[in-house]
Amino acid sequence: MSQEHYDTLVKTRKVPATRETCISPIKGYSAKYDGVLVEFEVAPGTTKALEAIGVRNNAGVVVEKYPNMPEVSKGWNEEKAFFKGEGKKGNKATDKGQINIGLGTGKALEIFNKNIIKFKEVPK
């Protein structure tokens, strides 16, 4: 995340809404982006809550894990969490890629923010 967004996170303990607010399970994947790399600890059940309002793309890794999740459509970012399959880059643990979660600007971001237990900046 940008330094400005990290400063907001530190002050408010909430991730600010942006067009590209995504979380990733793989540090190596996230480290390729500019800005501050942040590790979050969230309350148990957070991912399940996001899955309950989830939509997905058609990447094989996502379809395999969430075959019954609806496909993403325009306007998802206000009410849904976007489960997005990404390439293998930075993820040597699997040849299937990984699933990032887009938090959007509404309900999913609200769920994530209320479930943050702690966070810290981590080196790339």
C-alpha atoms as a PDB file:
ATOM      1  CA  MET A   1       0.000   0.000   0.000  1.00  0.00           C
ATOM      2  CA  SER A   2       1.111   3.553  -0.483  1.00  0.00           C
ATOM      3  CA  GLN A   3       2.831   5.380   2.370  1.00  0.00           C
ATOM      4  CA  GLU A   4      -0.188   7.686   2.578  1.00  0.00           C
ATOM      5  CA  HIS A   5      -2.562   4.734   2.947  1.00  0.00           C
ATOM      6  CA  TYR A   6      -0.277   3.121   5.523  1.00  0.00           C
ATOM      7  CA  ASP A   7      -0.238   6.359   7.527  1.00  0.00           C
ATOM      8  CA  THR A   8      -4.059   6.337   7.429  1.00  0.00           C
ATOM      9  CA  LEU A   9      -4.068   2.700   8.586  1.00  0.00           C
ATOM     10  CA  VAL A  10      -1.796   3.554  11.516  1.00  0.00           C
ATOM     11  CA  LYS A  11      -4.005   6.490  12.555  1.00  0.00           C
ATOM     12  CA  THR A  12      -7.409   4.828  12.089  1.00  0.00           C
ATOM     13  CA  ARG A  13      -6.640   1.094  12.330  1.00  0.00           C
ATOM     14  CA  LYS A  14      -8.638   0.744   9.104  1.00  0.00           C
ATOM     15  CA  VAL A  15      -7.543   0.004   5.567  1.00  0.00           C
ATOM     16  CA  PRO A  16      -8.664   2.943   3.416  1.00  0.00           C
ATOM     17  CA  ALA A  17     -10.903   2.286   0.421  1.00  0.00           C
ATOM     18  CA  THR A  18      -9.180   2.452  -2.951  1.00  0.00           C
ATOM     19  CA  ARG A  19      -9.911   1.109  -6.414  1.00  0.00           C
ATOM     20  CA  GLU A  20      -7.352  -1.664  -5.951  1.00  0.00           C
ATOM     21  CA  THR A  21      -7.675  -2.701  -2.305  1.00  0.00           C
ATOM     22  CA  CYS A  22      -6.676  -6.380  -2.309  1.00  0.00           C
ATOM     23  CA  ILE A  23      -5.208  -8.772   0.198  1.00  0.00           C
ATOM     24  CA  SER A  24      -2.865 -11.604  -0.730  1.00  0.00           C
ATOM     25  CA  PRO A  25      -1.830 -14.743   1.147  1.00  0.00           C
ATOM     26  CA  ILE A  26       1.645 -14.774  -0.406  1.00  0.00           C
ATOM     27  CA  LYS A  27       4.271 -12.263   0.719  1.00  0.00           C
ATOM     28  CA  GLY A  28       6.416 -12.804  -2.372  1.00  0.00           C
ATOM     29  CA  TYR A  29       3.543 -11.866  -4.641  1.00  0.00           C
ATOM     30  CA  SER A  30       2.754  -8.677  -2.736  1.00  0.00           C
ATOM     31  CA  ALA A  31       6.384  -7.639  -2.372  1.00  0.00           C
ATOM     32  CA  LYS A  32       6.645  -6.900  -6.096  1.00  0.00           C
ATOM     33  CA  TYR A  33       4.408  -3.848  -5.689  1.00  0.00           C
ATOM     34  CA  ASP A  34       5.644  -0.386  -4.721  1.00  0.00           C
ATOM     35  CA  GLY A  35       4.854   0.991  -1.289  1.00  0.00           C
ATOM     36  CA  VAL A  36       4.599  -0.428   2.202  1.00  0.00           C
ATOM     37  CA  LEU A  37       4.147  -4.175   2.687  1.00  0.00           C
ATOM     38  CA  VAL A  38       1.777  -4.887   5.583  1.00  0.00           C
ATOM     39  CA  GLU A  39       1.003  -8.152   7.358  1.00  0.00           C
ATOM     40  CA  PHE A  40      -2.404  -8.433   9.020  1.00  0.00           C
ATOM     41  CA  GLU A  41      -3.727 -10.689  11.726  1.00  0.00           C
ATOM     42  CA  VAL A  42      -7.504 -10.899  11.536  1.00  0.00           C
ATOM     43  CA  ALA A  43     -10.118 -12.537  13.721  1.00  0.00           C
ATOM     44  CA  PRO A  44     -11.050 -16.162  13.075  1.00  0.00           C
ATOM     45  CA  GLY A  45     -13.903 -16.414  10.592  1.00  0.00           C
ATOM     46  CA  THR A  46     -12.912 -13.346   8.577  1.00  0.00           C
ATOM     47  CA  THR A  47     -12.273 -15.293   5.378  1.00  0.00           C
ATOM     48  CA  LYS A  48     -15.541 -17.218   5.829  1.00  0.00           C
ATOM     49  CA  ALA A  49     -17.414 -13.923   6.180  1.00  0.00           C
ATOM     50  CA  LEU A  50     -15.810 -12.673   2.965  1.00  0.00           C
ATOM     51  CA  GLU A  51     -16.594 -15.956   1.198  1.00  0.00           C
ATOM     52  CA  ALA A  52     -20.262 -15.507   2.139  1.00  0.00           C
ATOM     53  CA  ILE A  53     -20.390 -12.323   0.035  1.00  0.00           C
ATOM     54  CA  GLY A  54     -17.832 -13.502  -2.516  1.00  0.00           C
ATOM     55  CA  VAL A  55     -17.730 -13.414  -6.278  1.00  0.00           C
ATOM     56  CA  ARG A  56     -14.932 -14.908  -8.356  1.00  0.00           C
ATOM     57  CA  ASN A  57     -13.127 -14.785 -11.661  1.00  0.00           C
ATOM     58  CA  ASN A  58     -12.652 -17.855 -13.862  1.00  0.00           C
ATOM     59  CA  ALA A  59      -9.063 -18.670 -12.921  1.00  0.00           C
ATOM     60  CA  GLY A  60      -8.674 -22.394 -12.366  1.00  0.00           C
ATOM     61  CA  VAL A  61      -7.419 -22.069  -8.794  1.00  0.00           C
ATOM     62  CA  VAL A  62     -10.558 -20.119  -7.805  1.00  0.00           C
ATOM     63  CA  VAL A  63     -13.038 -22.284  -9.729  1.00  0.00           C
ATOM     64  CA  GLU A  64     -11.530 -25.383  -8.117  1.00  0.00           C
ATOM     65  CA  LYS A  65     -11.874 -24.012  -4.583  1.00  0.00           C
ATOM     66  CA  TYR A  66     -15.151 -22.100  -5.055  1.00  0.00           C
ATOM     67  CA  PRO A  67     -17.114 -23.818  -7.844  1.00  0.00           C
ATOM     68  CA  ASN A  68     -20.474 -22.518  -6.580  1.00  0.00           C
ATOM     69  CA  MET A  69     -19.396 -18.930  -5.949  1.00  0.00           C
ATOM     70  CA  PRO A  70     -21.059 -16.492  -8.365  1.00  0.00           C
ATOM     71  CA  GLU A  71     -18.944 -14.945 -11.103  1.00  0.00           C
ATOM     72  CA  VAL A  72     -17.850 -11.343 -10.736  1.00  0.00           C
ATOM     73  CA  SER A  73     -19.863  -8.632 -12.442  1.00  0.00           C
ATOM     74  CA  LYS A  74     -19.729  -4.863 -12.725  1.00  0.00           C
ATOM     75  CA  GLY A  75     -20.341  -3.062  -9.435  1.00  0.00           C
ATOM     76  CA  TRP A  76     -19.004  -5.869  -7.225  1.00  0.00           C
ATOM     77  CA  ASN A  77     -16.840  -3.477  -5.191  1.00  0.00           C
ATOM     78  CA  GLU A  78     -19.687  -1.997  -3.127  1.00  0.00           C
ATOM     79  CA  GLU A  79     -21.316  -5.195  -1.840  1.00  0.00           C
ATOM     80  CA  LYS A  80     -19.005  -8.121  -2.606  1.00  0.00           C
ATOM     81  CA  ALA A  81     -15.539  -9.546  -2.011  1.00  0.00           C
ATOM     82  CA  PHE A  82     -13.728 -10.480  -5.239  1.00  0.00           C
ATOM     83  CA  PHE A  83     -11.859 -13.800  -5.075  1.00  0.00           C
ATOM     84  CA  LYS A  84      -9.338 -13.389  -7.867  1.00  0.00           C
ATOM     85  CA  GLY A  85      -7.005 -16.071  -9.129  1.00  0.00           C
ATOM     86  CA  GLU A  86      -3.569 -14.681  -9.881  1.00  0.00           C
ATOM     87  CA  GLY A  87      -0.542 -16.082 -11.664  1.00  0.00           C
ATOM     88  CA  LYS A  88       2.224 -18.166 -10.202  1.00  0.00           C
ATOM     89  CA  LYS A  89       4.664 -15.263  -9.906  1.00  0.00           C
ATOM     90  CA  GLY A  90       6.040 -15.125  -6.386  1.00  0.00           C
ATOM     91  CA  ASN A  91       4.315 -18.357  -5.387  1.00  0.00           C
ATOM     92  CA  LYS A  92       6.762 -21.222  -5.639  1.00  0.00           C
ATOM     93  CA  ALA A  93       4.759 -23.328  -3.185  1.00  0.00           C
ATOM     94  CA  THR A  94       2.169 -24.242  -5.808  1.00  0.00           C
ATOM     95  CA  ASP A  95       1.931 -24.438  -9.570  1.00  0.00           C
ATOM     96  CA  LYS A  96      -1.740 -23.434  -9.508  1.00  0.00           C
ATOM     97  CA  GLY A  97      -1.364 -19.778  -8.645  1.00  0.00           C
ATOM     98  CA  GLN A  98      -3.049 -18.168  -5.687  1.00  0.00           C
ATOM     99  CA  ILE A  99      -6.242 -16.449  -4.639  1.00  0.00           C
ATOM    100  CA  ASN A 100      -6.174 -12.760  -3.747  1.00  0.00           C
ATOM    101  CA  ILE A 101      -9.256 -11.107  -2.275  1.00  0.00           C
ATOM    102  CA  GLY A 102     -10.432  -7.748  -3.533  1.00  0.00           C
ATOM    103  CA  LEU A 103     -12.034  -5.815  -0.697  1.00  0.00           C
ATOM    104  CA  GLY A 104     -13.568  -3.077  -2.800  1.00  0.00           C
ATOM    105  CA  THR A 105     -14.968   0.019  -1.147  1.00  0.00           C
ATOM    106  CA  GLY A 106     -17.976  -1.254   0.783  1.00  0.00           C
ATOM    107  CA  LYS A 107     -19.157  -4.325   2.649  1.00  0.00           C
ATOM    108  CA  ALA A 108     -16.071  -6.545   2.238  1.00  0.00           C
ATOM    109  CA  LEU A 109     -13.724  -3.764   3.317  1.00  0.00           C
ATOM    110  CA  GLU A 110     -15.961  -3.099   6.314  1.00  0.00           C
ATOM    111  CA  ILE A 111     -15.827  -6.793   7.302  1.00  0.00           C
ATOM    112  CA  PHE A 112     -12.047  -6.875   6.959  1.00  0.00           C
ATOM    113  CA  ASN A 113     -11.511  -3.656   8.890  1.00  0.00           C
ATOM    114  CA  LYS A 114     -13.704  -4.655  11.825  1.00  0.00           C
ATOM    115  CA  ASN A 115     -11.808  -7.960  12.093  1.00  0.00           C
ATOM    116  CA  ILE A 116      -8.263  -6.561  12.163  1.00  0.00           C
ATOM    117  CA  ILE A 117      -6.573  -7.709  15.365  1.00  0.00           C
ATOM    118  CA  LYS A 118      -3.143  -6.301  14.589  1.00  0.00           C
ATOM    119  CA  PHE A 119      -0.913  -5.345  11.702  1.00  0.00           C
ATOM    120  CA  LYS A 120       2.721  -4.549  11.075  1.00  0.00           C
ATOM    121  CA  GLU A 121       4.952  -3.303   8.326  1.00  0.00           C
ATOM    122  CA  VAL A 122       7.172  -6.093   7.031  1.00  0.00           C
ATOM    123  CA  PRO A 123      10.338  -5.907   4.925  1.00  0.00           C
ATOM    124  CA  LYS A 124      10.117  -6.841   1.256  1.00  0.00           C
END
